[in-house]
Amino acid sequence: MKILLLDKNHPLITEQLSAKGFLLEEDFTSTYDEVLKKIETYDGIIIRSRIPIDKNFIEHAKNLKFIARVGAGMENIDVEFAHKSGIKLISSPEGNRDSVAEHVVGMLLILMNRLFIASTEVKNGIWKREENRGDELLGKTFGIIGYGNMGKAVAKRLSGFGVSVIFHDIIPNLSDEFATQTTMETLYRDADILSLHLPLSPETNYLIDEEFISKMKKDFYFINTARGKNVKTQDLVKAIKSGKIKGAALDVLEYEKASFENIESGNEDLQYLLHSEKAILTPHIAGWTVQSKEKLAQVIVDKILSDFSKS
């Protein structure tokens, strides 16, 4: 099988698939239109986010048997049309779930205990103790929306913190030793902290908006390591200013470009978040550890070999 790699990933993908007889070609610079001219000669593609795999792309890829994305989300792929075209879709959420879970807990502890603020102050000769009094996780209710690979990994990490973990998911009967499935009404009522672990879809676009926030009974901390457009930033900022959201830890932003490689600057709400002590921002790196880079690639290789290897 002839496979085209459109993004740079861990070299083990090329090494291991080549060893199994696959023919791999790398193209990290061609534009969408340039790739279209040659895509019909390939049996598979391995991507991250550089090029959108839309209906037009798939129609040109007449011999494509699989699309593999090194990552969890599939929103840059026309999933429905790919399925109709008989193309196998492969992703690797198992590869970075541990990285995401640790990032969630790390950001939350920094936010609730003002660690970044306090450290910056001390380095500048400012010694404030009462002003930097922290807020404990112990005894709080941690709410998760989306209990797939990421949500489950987060719940597992929290098992030693003395928190009650609840979650909502559209798939029933997912409760386990780490978290209890609830209705959205229960989550609205009980959650002290809310963490998103959802794909981006028409149903989840701007899920967190003014209406959603108003349904939360408690003032709460908010974490998003899913997708930026799951959240309407303007409404998030209003809730931070009012105190309804006590603090936000955001690894993803509504203003990210489709490739996730940069953000659109100059937005008033973004500027507020950049300068607020109640917001922690990271550049879409929750699933971006040294270990996850290798694990994401290995999951992709294993799935391709499982479905398409003749040996």
C-alpha atoms as a PDB file:
ATOM      1  CA  MET A   1       0.000   0.000   0.000  1.00  0.00           C
ATOM      2  CA  LYS A   2       1.128   3.512  -0.823  1.00  0.00           C
ATOM      3  CA  ILE A   3       0.737   5.994   2.039  1.00  0.00           C
ATOM      4  CA  LEU A   4       1.152   9.787   2.010  1.00  0.00           C
ATOM      5  CA  LEU A   5       2.260  11.563   5.201  1.00  0.00           C
ATOM      6  CA  LEU A   6       1.059  15.174   5.181  1.00  0.00           C
ATOM      7  CA  ASP A   7       2.359  16.257   8.620  1.00  0.00           C
ATOM      8  CA  LYS A   8       5.542  15.668  10.574  1.00  0.00           C
ATOM      9  CA  ASN A   9       5.134  13.016  13.257  1.00  0.00           C
ATOM     10  CA  HIS A  10       7.312  10.599  15.182  1.00  0.00           C
ATOM     11  CA  PRO A  11       9.701   8.746  12.816  1.00  0.00           C
ATOM     12  CA  LEU A  12       8.552   5.377  14.150  1.00  0.00           C
ATOM     13  CA  ILE A  13       5.551   5.634  11.793  1.00  0.00           C
ATOM     14  CA  THR A  14       7.767   5.549   8.715  1.00  0.00           C
ATOM     15  CA  GLU A  15      10.199   3.073  10.226  1.00  0.00           C
ATOM     16  CA  GLN A  16       7.671   0.488  11.350  1.00  0.00           C
ATOM     17  CA  LEU A  17       5.289   0.693   8.387  1.00  0.00           C
ATOM     18  CA  SER A  18       8.163   0.584   5.892  1.00  0.00           C
ATOM     19  CA  ALA A  19       9.483  -2.510   7.638  1.00  0.00           C
ATOM     20  CA  LYS A  20       6.107  -4.154   7.042  1.00  0.00           C
ATOM     21  CA  GLY A  21       6.215  -3.473   3.315  1.00  0.00           C
ATOM     22  CA  PHE A  22       4.216  -0.250   3.075  1.00  0.00           C
ATOM     23  CA  LEU A  23       5.497   2.443   0.714  1.00  0.00           C
ATOM     24  CA  LEU A  24       5.547   5.796   2.523  1.00  0.00           C
ATOM     25  CA  GLU A  25       6.062   9.233   1.020  1.00  0.00           C
ATOM     26  CA  GLU A  26       6.368  12.489   2.978  1.00  0.00           C
ATOM     27  CA  ASP A  27       4.987  15.836   1.840  1.00  0.00           C
ATOM     28  CA  PHE A  28       4.953  18.496   4.548  1.00  0.00           C
ATOM     29  CA  THR A  29       4.906  21.565   2.295  1.00  0.00           C
ATOM     30  CA  SER A  30       2.490  21.102  -0.629  1.00  0.00           C
ATOM     31  CA  THR A  31      -0.712  23.105  -0.555  1.00  0.00           C
ATOM     32  CA  TYR A  32      -4.197  21.635  -0.561  1.00  0.00           C
ATOM     33  CA  ASP A  33      -4.502  22.122  -4.321  1.00  0.00           C
ATOM     34  CA  GLU A  34      -1.085  20.597  -4.981  1.00  0.00           C
ATOM     35  CA  VAL A  35      -1.953  17.514  -2.951  1.00  0.00           C
ATOM     36  CA  LEU A  36      -5.245  17.141  -4.846  1.00  0.00           C
ATOM     37  CA  LYS A  37      -3.357  16.656  -8.109  1.00  0.00           C
ATOM     38  CA  LYS A  38      -1.656  13.491  -6.864  1.00  0.00           C
ATOM     39  CA  ILE A  39      -3.868  12.086  -4.098  1.00  0.00           C
ATOM     40  CA  GLU A  40      -5.570   9.493  -6.331  1.00  0.00           C
ATOM     41  CA  THR A  41      -2.342   7.485  -6.430  1.00  0.00           C
ATOM     42  CA  TYR A  42      -2.380   6.784  -2.679  1.00  0.00           C
ATOM     43  CA  ASP A  43      -4.106   4.060  -0.653  1.00  0.00           C
ATOM     44  CA  GLY A  44      -3.819   5.859   2.688  1.00  0.00           C
ATOM     45  CA  ILE A  45      -2.946   9.202   4.246  1.00  0.00           C
ATOM     46  CA  ILE A  46      -1.609  10.050   7.693  1.00  0.00           C
ATOM     47  CA  ILE A  47      -2.369  13.570   8.909  1.00  0.00           C
ATOM     48  CA  ARG A  48      -2.568  15.900  11.884  1.00  0.00           C
ATOM     49  CA  SER A  49      -4.275  19.192  11.029  1.00  0.00           C
ATOM     50  CA  ARG A  50      -2.376  20.958   8.240  1.00  0.00           C
ATOM     51  CA  ILE A  51      -4.775  20.143   5.403  1.00  0.00           C
ATOM     52  CA  PRO A  52      -8.577  19.748   5.669  1.00  0.00           C
ATOM     53  CA  ILE A  53      -9.873  16.458   4.318  1.00  0.00           C
ATOM     54  CA  ASP A  54     -13.188  17.672   2.949  1.00  0.00           C
ATOM     55  CA  LYS A  55     -15.637  16.187   0.430  1.00  0.00           C
ATOM     56  CA  ASN A  56     -13.739  17.644  -2.516  1.00  0.00           C
ATOM     57  CA  PHE A  57     -10.479  16.107  -1.276  1.00  0.00           C
ATOM     58  CA  ILE A  58     -12.082  12.700  -0.766  1.00  0.00           C
ATOM     59  CA  GLU A  59     -13.680  12.775  -4.224  1.00  0.00           C
ATOM     60  CA  HIS A  60     -10.206  13.245  -5.725  1.00  0.00           C
ATOM     61  CA  ALA A  61      -8.771  10.423  -3.577  1.00  0.00           C
ATOM     62  CA  LYS A  62     -10.307   7.663  -5.678  1.00  0.00           C
ATOM     63  CA  ASN A  63      -8.153   4.828  -4.284  1.00  0.00           C
ATOM     64  CA  LEU A  64      -8.069   5.922  -0.644  1.00  0.00           C
ATOM     65  CA  LYS A  65      -8.695   3.090   1.822  1.00  0.00           C
ATOM     66  CA  PHE A  66      -7.922   4.870   5.087  1.00  0.00           C
ATOM     67  CA  ILE A  67      -7.354   8.263   6.677  1.00  0.00           C
ATOM     68  CA  ALA A  68      -5.305   8.156   9.889  1.00  0.00           C
ATOM     69  CA  ARG A  69      -5.136  11.197  12.137  1.00  0.00           C
ATOM     70  CA  VAL A  70      -2.373  11.347  14.731  1.00  0.00           C
ATOM     71  CA  GLY A  71      -4.553  12.748  17.497  1.00  0.00           C
ATOM     72  CA  ALA A  72      -8.022  12.442  18.950  1.00  0.00           C
ATOM     73  CA  GLY A  73     -10.325  14.866  17.098  1.00  0.00           C
ATOM     74  CA  MET A  74     -11.607  14.264  13.576  1.00  0.00           C
ATOM     75  CA  GLU A  75     -13.238  17.624  12.880  1.00  0.00           C
ATOM     76  CA  ASN A  76     -10.865  18.449  10.011  1.00  0.00           C
ATOM     77  CA  ILE A  77     -12.234  15.402   8.147  1.00  0.00           C
ATOM     78  CA  ASP A  78     -15.635  15.094   6.449  1.00  0.00           C
ATOM     79  CA  VAL A  79     -16.375  11.984   8.488  1.00  0.00           C
ATOM     80  CA  GLU A  80     -19.816  11.314   7.023  1.00  0.00           C
ATOM     81  CA  PHE A  81     -18.656  11.473   3.404  1.00  0.00           C
ATOM     82  CA  ALA A  82     -15.564   9.397   4.185  1.00  0.00           C
ATOM     83  CA  HIS A  83     -17.778   6.659   5.643  1.00  0.00           C
ATOM     84  CA  LYS A  84     -20.082   6.800   2.611  1.00  0.00           C
ATOM     85  CA  SER A  85     -17.017   6.438   0.400  1.00  0.00           C
ATOM     86  CA  GLY A  86     -15.935   3.292   2.245  1.00  0.00           C
ATOM     87  CA  ILE A  87     -12.846   4.865   3.768  1.00  0.00           C
ATOM     88  CA  LYS A  88     -11.624   3.622   7.134  1.00  0.00           C
ATOM     89  CA  LEU A  89     -11.034   6.406   9.675  1.00  0.00           C
ATOM     90  CA  ILE A  90      -8.336   5.926  12.284  1.00  0.00           C
ATOM     91  CA  SER A  91      -7.465   8.168  15.250  1.00  0.00           C
ATOM     92  CA  SER A  92      -5.330   7.741  18.353  1.00  0.00           C
ATOM     93  CA  PRO A  93      -6.947   9.213  21.493  1.00  0.00           C
ATOM     94  CA  GLU A  94      -5.369   6.401  23.505  1.00  0.00           C
ATOM     95  CA  GLY A  95      -1.986   7.943  22.776  1.00  0.00           C
ATOM     96  CA  ASN A  96      -2.393  11.265  24.560  1.00  0.00           C
ATOM     97  CA  ARG A  97      -5.108  10.663  27.145  1.00  0.00           C
ATOM     98  CA  ASP A  98      -2.559  10.426  29.975  1.00  0.00           C
ATOM     99  CA  SER A  99      -0.884  13.633  28.861  1.00  0.00           C
ATOM    100  CA  VAL A 100      -4.224  15.461  28.758  1.00  0.00           C
ATOM    101  CA  ALA A 101      -5.231  14.134  32.188  1.00  0.00           C
ATOM    102  CA  GLU A 102      -2.008  15.343  33.826  1.00  0.00           C
ATOM    103  CA  HIS A 103      -2.332  18.723  32.113  1.00  0.00           C
ATOM    104  CA  VAL A 104      -5.885  19.142  33.443  1.00  0.00           C
ATOM    105  CA  VAL A 105      -4.835  18.420  37.011  1.00  0.00           C
ATOM    106  CA  GLY A 106      -1.719  20.584  36.698  1.00  0.00           C
ATOM    107  CA  MET A 107      -3.576  23.609  35.366  1.00  0.00           C
ATOM    108  CA  LEU A 108      -6.307  23.251  37.975  1.00  0.00           C
ATOM    109  CA  LEU A 109      -3.863  23.114  40.893  1.00  0.00           C
ATOM    110  CA  ILE A 110      -1.992  26.136  39.560  1.00  0.00           C
ATOM    111  CA  LEU A 111      -5.244  28.057  39.140  1.00  0.00           C
ATOM    112  CA  MET A 112      -6.829  27.183  42.481  1.00  0.00           C
ATOM    113  CA  ASN A 113      -3.640  27.791  44.458  1.00  0.00           C
ATOM    114  CA  ARG A 114      -2.512  30.903  42.554  1.00  0.00           C
ATOM    115  CA  LEU A 115       0.886  29.268  42.059  1.00  0.00           C
ATOM    116  CA  PHE A 116       1.899  31.131  38.914  1.00  0.00           C
ATOM    117  CA  ILE A 117       0.786  34.472  40.331  1.00  0.00           C
ATOM    118  CA  ALA A 118       2.545  33.914  43.666  1.00  0.00           C
ATOM    119  CA  SER A 119       5.749  32.720  41.993  1.00  0.00           C
ATOM    120  CA  THR A 120       5.844  35.751  39.700  1.00  0.00           C
ATOM    121  CA  GLU A 121       5.280  38.089  42.652  1.00  0.00           C
ATOM    122  CA  VAL A 122       8.041  36.546  44.766  1.00  0.00           C
ATOM    123  CA  LYS A 123      10.464  36.757  41.836  1.00  0.00           C
ATOM    124  CA  ASN A 124       9.646  40.465  41.662  1.00  0.00           C
ATOM    125  CA  GLY A 125      10.237  41.008  45.360  1.00  0.00           C
ATOM    126  CA  ILE A 126       6.569  40.920  46.372  1.00  0.00           C
ATOM    127  CA  TRP A 127       5.681  38.764  49.389  1.00  0.00           C
ATOM    128  CA  LYS A 128       1.907  38.331  49.751  1.00  0.00           C
ATOM    129  CA  ARG A 129       0.526  35.477  51.819  1.00  0.00           C
ATOM    130  CA  GLU A 130      -3.099  36.275  52.617  1.00  0.00           C
ATOM    131  CA  GLU A 131      -3.758  37.492  49.071  1.00  0.00           C
ATOM    132  CA  ASN A 132      -2.484  34.168  47.709  1.00  0.00           C
ATOM    133  CA  ARG A 133      -4.508  31.888  49.980  1.00  0.00           C
ATOM    134  CA  GLY A 134      -5.415  28.793  47.962  1.00  0.00           C
ATOM    135  CA  ASP A 135      -8.595  26.782  47.459  1.00  0.00           C
ATOM    136  CA  GLU A 136      -8.478  23.018  48.109  1.00  0.00           C
ATOM    137  CA  LEU A 137      -9.739  20.293  45.797  1.00  0.00           C
ATOM    138  CA  LEU A 138     -10.627  18.075  48.748  1.00  0.00           C
ATOM    139  CA  GLY A 139     -14.373  17.714  49.187  1.00  0.00           C
ATOM    140  CA  LYS A 140     -15.344  19.325  45.887  1.00  0.00           C
ATOM    141  CA  THR A 141     -17.429  17.840  43.083  1.00  0.00           C
ATOM    142  CA  PHE A 142     -15.604  17.605  39.765  1.00  0.00           C
ATOM    143  CA  GLY A 143     -17.906  17.508  36.735  1.00  0.00           C
ATOM    144  CA  ILE A 144     -16.852  16.085  33.376  1.00  0.00           C
ATOM    145  CA  ILE A 145     -18.710  16.391  30.088  1.00  0.00           C
ATOM    146  CA  GLY A 146     -17.625  13.599  27.760  1.00  0.00           C
ATOM    147  CA  TYR A 147     -16.416  10.321  29.271  1.00  0.00           C
ATOM    148  CA  GLY A 148     -14.247   8.863  26.528  1.00  0.00           C
ATOM    149  CA  ASN A 149     -10.513   8.283  26.672  1.00  0.00           C
ATOM    150  CA  MET A 150      -9.706  11.762  28.006  1.00  0.00           C
ATOM    151  CA  GLY A 151     -12.542  12.034  30.517  1.00  0.00           C
ATOM    152  CA  LYS A 152     -11.785   8.623  31.989  1.00  0.00           C
ATOM    153  CA  ALA A 153      -8.083   9.401  32.306  1.00  0.00           C
ATOM    154  CA  VAL A 154      -8.880  12.650  34.141  1.00  0.00           C
ATOM    155  CA  ALA A 155     -11.219  10.873  36.558  1.00  0.00           C
ATOM    156  CA  LYS A 156      -8.545   8.267  37.273  1.00  0.00           C
ATOM    157  CA  ARG A 157      -5.954  10.963  38.065  1.00  0.00           C
ATOM    158  CA  LEU A 158      -8.361  12.613  40.500  1.00  0.00           C
ATOM    159  CA  SER A 159      -8.971   9.440  42.501  1.00  0.00           C
ATOM    160  CA  GLY A 160      -6.419  10.396  45.143  1.00  0.00           C
ATOM    161  CA  PHE A 161      -7.587  13.977  45.671  1.00  0.00           C
ATOM    162  CA  GLY A 162     -10.707  13.302  47.728  1.00  0.00           C
ATOM    163  CA  VAL A 163     -13.088  14.747  45.159  1.00  0.00           C
ATOM    164  CA  SER A 164     -16.414  13.390  43.993  1.00  0.00           C
ATOM    165  CA  VAL A 165     -16.239  12.900  40.223  1.00  0.00           C
ATOM    166  CA  ILE A 166     -19.437  12.948  38.174  1.00  0.00           C
ATOM    167  CA  PHE A 167     -19.879  13.034  34.413  1.00  0.00           C
ATOM    168  CA  HIS A 168     -22.403  13.325  31.622  1.00  0.00           C
ATOM    169  CA  ASP A 169     -22.122  11.447  28.334  1.00  0.00           C
ATOM    170  CA  ILE A 170     -24.590  10.676  25.543  1.00  0.00           C
ATOM    171  CA  ILE A 171     -23.619   6.984  25.781  1.00  0.00           C
ATOM    172  CA  PRO A 172     -25.338   5.303  28.768  1.00  0.00           C
ATOM    173  CA  ASN A 173     -23.937   3.012  31.476  1.00  0.00           C
ATOM    174  CA  LEU A 174     -20.349   4.292  31.571  1.00  0.00           C
ATOM    175  CA  SER A 175     -19.952   4.633  35.359  1.00  0.00           C
ATOM    176  CA  ASP A 176     -16.816   3.016  36.787  1.00  0.00           C
ATOM    177  CA  GLU A 177     -14.758   3.007  39.969  1.00  0.00           C
ATOM    178  CA  PHE A 178     -13.505   6.532  39.273  1.00  0.00           C
ATOM    179  CA  ALA A 179     -16.672   8.453  38.320  1.00  0.00           C
ATOM    180  CA  THR A 180     -20.466   8.293  38.381  1.00  0.00           C
ATOM    181  CA  GLN A 181     -22.640   9.069  35.377  1.00  0.00           C
ATOM    182  CA  THR A 182     -25.346  11.669  36.010  1.00  0.00           C
ATOM    183  CA  THR A 183     -27.905  13.757  34.202  1.00  0.00           C
ATOM    184  CA  MET A 184     -27.024  17.260  33.090  1.00  0.00           C
ATOM    185  CA  GLU A 185     -29.418  18.554  35.733  1.00  0.00           C
ATOM    186  CA  THR A 186     -27.346  16.870  38.462  1.00  0.00           C
ATOM    187  CA  LEU A 187     -24.124  18.197  36.968  1.00  0.00           C
ATOM    188  CA  TYR A 188     -25.570  21.734  36.834  1.00  0.00           C
ATOM    189  CA  ARG A 189     -26.555  21.440  40.490  1.00  0.00           C
ATOM    190  CA  ASP A 190     -23.498  19.793  42.027  1.00  0.00           C
ATOM    191  CA  ALA A 191     -20.350  20.655  40.095  1.00  0.00           C
ATOM    192  CA  ASP A 192     -17.735  22.935  41.688  1.00  0.00           C
ATOM    193  CA  ILE A 193     -15.412  22.357  38.722  1.00  0.00           C
ATOM    194  CA  LEU A 194     -16.298  21.649  35.100  1.00  0.00           C
ATOM    195  CA  SER A 195     -13.971  20.033  32.558  1.00  0.00           C
ATOM    196  CA  LEU A 196     -14.763  19.489  28.866  1.00  0.00           C
ATOM    197  CA  HIS A 197     -13.681  16.359  26.969  1.00  0.00           C
ATOM    198  CA  LEU A 198     -15.764  16.552  23.811  1.00  0.00           C
ATOM    199  CA  PRO A 199     -15.226  16.442  20.077  1.00  0.00           C
ATOM    200  CA  LEU A 200     -16.212  19.486  18.048  1.00  0.00           C
ATOM    201  CA  SER A 201     -19.479  18.950  16.207  1.00  0.00           C
ATOM    202  CA  PRO A 202     -22.590  20.976  15.348  1.00  0.00           C
ATOM    203  CA  GLU A 203     -24.038  19.794  18.682  1.00  0.00           C
ATOM    204  CA  THR A 204     -21.019  20.830  20.760  1.00  0.00           C
ATOM    205  CA  ASN A 205     -20.108  24.068  18.969  1.00  0.00           C
ATOM    206  CA  TYR A 206     -20.523  26.860  21.554  1.00  0.00           C
ATOM    207  CA  LEU A 207     -21.931  24.352  24.057  1.00  0.00           C
ATOM    208  CA  ILE A 208     -20.613  26.539  26.863  1.00  0.00           C
ATOM    209  CA  ASP A 209     -22.457  29.805  26.418  1.00  0.00           C
ATOM    210  CA  GLU A 210     -24.396  32.253  28.571  1.00  0.00           C
ATOM    211  CA  GLU A 211     -27.411  29.928  28.784  1.00  0.00           C
ATOM    212  CA  PHE A 212     -25.305  26.952  29.879  1.00  0.00           C
ATOM    213  CA  ILE A 213     -23.364  28.979  32.434  1.00  0.00           C
ATOM    214  CA  SER A 214     -26.577  30.379  33.918  1.00  0.00           C
ATOM    215  CA  LYS A 215     -27.761  26.834  34.656  1.00  0.00           C
ATOM    216  CA  MET A 216     -24.763  26.117  36.902  1.00  0.00           C
ATOM    217  CA  LYS A 217     -25.981  26.484  40.481  1.00  0.00           C
ATOM    218  CA  LYS A 218     -22.577  27.138  42.041  1.00  0.00           C
ATOM    219  CA  ASP A 219     -19.784  29.501  41.167  1.00  0.00           C
ATOM    220  CA  PHE A 220     -17.292  27.155  39.500  1.00  0.00           C
ATOM    221  CA  TYR A 221     -13.867  26.637  37.986  1.00  0.00           C
ATOM    222  CA  PHE A 222     -13.786  25.845  34.272  1.00  0.00           C
ATOM    223  CA  ILE A 223     -11.266  23.769  32.300  1.00  0.00           C
ATOM    224  CA  ASN A 224     -11.132  23.241  28.553  1.00  0.00           C
ATOM    225  CA  THR A 225      -8.610  20.935  26.889  1.00  0.00           C
ATOM    226  CA  ALA A 226     -11.034  19.828  24.154  1.00  0.00           C
ATOM    227  CA  ARG A 227     -11.655  22.347  21.365  1.00  0.00           C
ATOM    228  CA  GLY A 228     -11.745  26.141  21.517  1.00  0.00           C
ATOM    229  CA  LYS A 229     -15.038  26.446  19.691  1.00  0.00           C
ATOM    230  CA  ASN A 230     -16.794  24.327  22.327  1.00  0.00           C
ATOM    231  CA  VAL A 231     -16.863  27.620  24.251  1.00  0.00           C
ATOM    232  CA  LYS A 232     -18.294  31.024  23.380  1.00  0.00           C
ATOM    233  CA  THR A 233     -15.462  33.150  24.697  1.00  0.00           C
ATOM    234  CA  GLN A 234     -17.499  36.328  25.000  1.00  0.00           C
ATOM    235  CA  ASP A 235     -19.873  34.592  27.428  1.00  0.00           C
ATOM    236  CA  LEU A 236     -16.990  32.968  29.292  1.00  0.00           C
ATOM    237  CA  VAL A 237     -15.353  36.351  29.858  1.00  0.00           C
ATOM    238  CA  LYS A 238     -18.637  37.826  31.125  1.00  0.00           C
ATOM    239  CA  ALA A 239     -18.918  34.985  33.622  1.00  0.00           C
ATOM    240  CA  ILE A 240     -15.331  35.471  34.833  1.00  0.00           C
ATOM    241  CA  LYS A 241     -15.938  39.194  35.303  1.00  0.00           C
ATOM    242  CA  SER A 242     -19.143  38.548  37.263  1.00  0.00           C
ATOM    243  CA  GLY A 243     -17.502  35.892  39.467  1.00  0.00           C
ATOM    244  CA  LYS A 244     -19.775  33.086  38.263  1.00  0.00           C
ATOM    245  CA  ILE A 245     -16.681  31.423  36.854  1.00  0.00           C
ATOM    246  CA  LYS A 246     -14.062  31.614  39.605  1.00  0.00           C
ATOM    247  CA  GLY A 247     -11.230  30.851  37.229  1.00  0.00           C
ATOM    248  CA  ALA A 248     -10.622  29.318  33.799  1.00  0.00           C
ATOM    249  CA  ALA A 249      -7.829  26.995  32.658  1.00  0.00           C
ATOM    250  CA  LEU A 250      -7.815  26.963  28.860  1.00  0.00           C
ATOM    251  CA  ASP A 251      -5.498  24.914  26.674  1.00  0.00           C
ATOM    252  CA  VAL A 252      -7.630  25.640  23.598  1.00  0.00           C
ATOM    253  CA  LEU A 253      -9.138  28.878  22.352  1.00  0.00           C
ATOM    254  CA  GLU A 254     -11.988  29.837  20.055  1.00  0.00           C
ATOM    255  CA  TYR A 255      -9.540  32.001  18.116  1.00  0.00           C
ATOM    256  CA  GLU A 256      -7.150  29.204  17.103  1.00  0.00           C
ATOM    257  CA  LYS A 257      -6.516  28.717  13.421  1.00  0.00           C
ATOM    258  CA  ALA A 258      -7.739  25.415  11.935  1.00  0.00           C
ATOM    259  CA  SER A 259      -4.212  23.978  12.034  1.00  0.00           C
ATOM    260  CA  PHE A 260      -3.939  24.845  15.771  1.00  0.00           C
ATOM    261  CA  GLU A 261      -0.569  26.446  15.012  1.00  0.00           C
ATOM    262  CA  ASN A 262      -1.481  30.017  15.986  1.00  0.00           C
ATOM    263  CA  ILE A 263      -4.288  32.284  17.170  1.00  0.00           C
ATOM    264  CA  GLU A 264      -6.070  35.263  15.693  1.00  0.00           C
ATOM    265  CA  SER A 265      -4.985  38.269  17.730  1.00  0.00           C
ATOM    266  CA  GLY A 266      -6.648  41.612  18.345  1.00  0.00           C
ATOM    267  CA  ASN A 267      -9.830  40.289  19.942  1.00  0.00           C
ATOM    268  CA  GLU A 268     -11.058  42.175  23.013  1.00  0.00           C
ATOM    269  CA  ASP A 269     -12.146  39.033  24.889  1.00  0.00           C
ATOM    270  CA  LEU A 270      -8.858  37.308  24.127  1.00  0.00           C
ATOM    271  CA  GLN A 271      -6.984  40.335  25.430  1.00  0.00           C
ATOM    272  CA  TYR A 272      -8.941  40.112  28.674  1.00  0.00           C
ATOM    273  CA  LEU A 273      -7.992  36.460  29.120  1.00  0.00           C
ATOM    274  CA  LEU A 274      -4.352  37.191  28.345  1.00  0.00           C
ATOM    275  CA  HIS A 275      -4.181  39.737  31.161  1.00  0.00           C
ATOM    276  CA  SER A 276      -6.546  38.227  33.741  1.00  0.00           C
ATOM    277  CA  GLU A 277      -5.239  36.642  36.934  1.00  0.00           C
ATOM    278  CA  LYS A 278      -8.300  34.377  36.788  1.00  0.00           C
ATOM    279  CA  ALA A 279      -7.252  32.687  33.540  1.00  0.00           C
ATOM    280  CA  ILE A 280      -4.448  30.279  32.711  1.00  0.00           C
ATOM    281  CA  LEU A 281      -3.754  29.777  29.009  1.00  0.00           C
ATOM    282  CA  THR A 282      -1.558  27.205  27.282  1.00  0.00           C
ATOM    283  CA  PRO A 283      -0.988  26.809  23.500  1.00  0.00           C
ATOM    284  CA  HIS A 284      -2.943  23.598  22.752  1.00  0.00           C
ATOM    285  CA  ILE A 285      -0.315  21.395  24.406  1.00  0.00           C
ATOM    286  CA  ALA A 286      -2.347  19.285  26.833  1.00  0.00           C
ATOM    287  CA  GLY A 287      -1.753  16.215  24.671  1.00  0.00           C
ATOM    288  CA  TRP A 288       1.712  17.350  23.645  1.00  0.00           C
ATOM    289  CA  THR A 289       4.315  15.608  25.817  1.00  0.00           C
ATOM    290  CA  VAL A 290       7.504  13.839  24.817  1.00  0.00           C
ATOM    291  CA  GLN A 291       5.842  10.548  25.692  1.00  0.00           C
ATOM    292  CA  SER A 292       2.551  11.253  23.916  1.00  0.00           C
ATOM    293  CA  LYS A 293       4.308  12.040  20.629  1.00  0.00           C
ATOM    294  CA  GLU A 294       5.604   8.490  20.553  1.00  0.00           C
ATOM    295  CA  LYS A 295       2.444   6.890  21.930  1.00  0.00           C
ATOM    296  CA  LEU A 296       0.178   8.677  19.438  1.00  0.00           C
ATOM    297  CA  ALA A 297       2.328   7.446  16.568  1.00  0.00           C
ATOM    298  CA  GLN A 298       2.497   3.906  17.914  1.00  0.00           C
ATOM    299  CA  VAL A 299      -1.284   3.681  18.258  1.00  0.00           C
ATOM    300  CA  ILE A 300      -1.673   4.773  14.621  1.00  0.00           C
ATOM    301  CA  VAL A 301       0.843   2.206  13.420  1.00  0.00           C
ATOM    302  CA  ASP A 302      -0.756  -0.590  15.436  1.00  0.00           C
ATOM    303  CA  LYS A 303      -4.229   0.213  14.076  1.00  0.00           C
ATOM    304  CA  ILE A 304      -3.026   0.403  10.468  1.00  0.00           C
ATOM    305  CA  LEU A 305      -1.213  -2.913  10.814  1.00  0.00           C
ATOM    306  CA  SER A 306      -4.244  -4.499  12.450  1.00  0.00           C
ATOM    307  CA  ASP A 307      -6.529  -3.501   9.584  1.00  0.00           C
ATOM    308  CA  PHE A 308      -4.280  -3.578   6.531  1.00  0.00           C
ATOM    309  CA  SER A 309      -1.165  -5.708   7.143  1.00  0.00           C
ATOM    310  CA  LYS A 310      -0.992  -8.982   5.217  1.00  0.00           C
ATOM    311  CA  SER A 311       1.708 -10.457   7.454  1.00  0.00           C
END
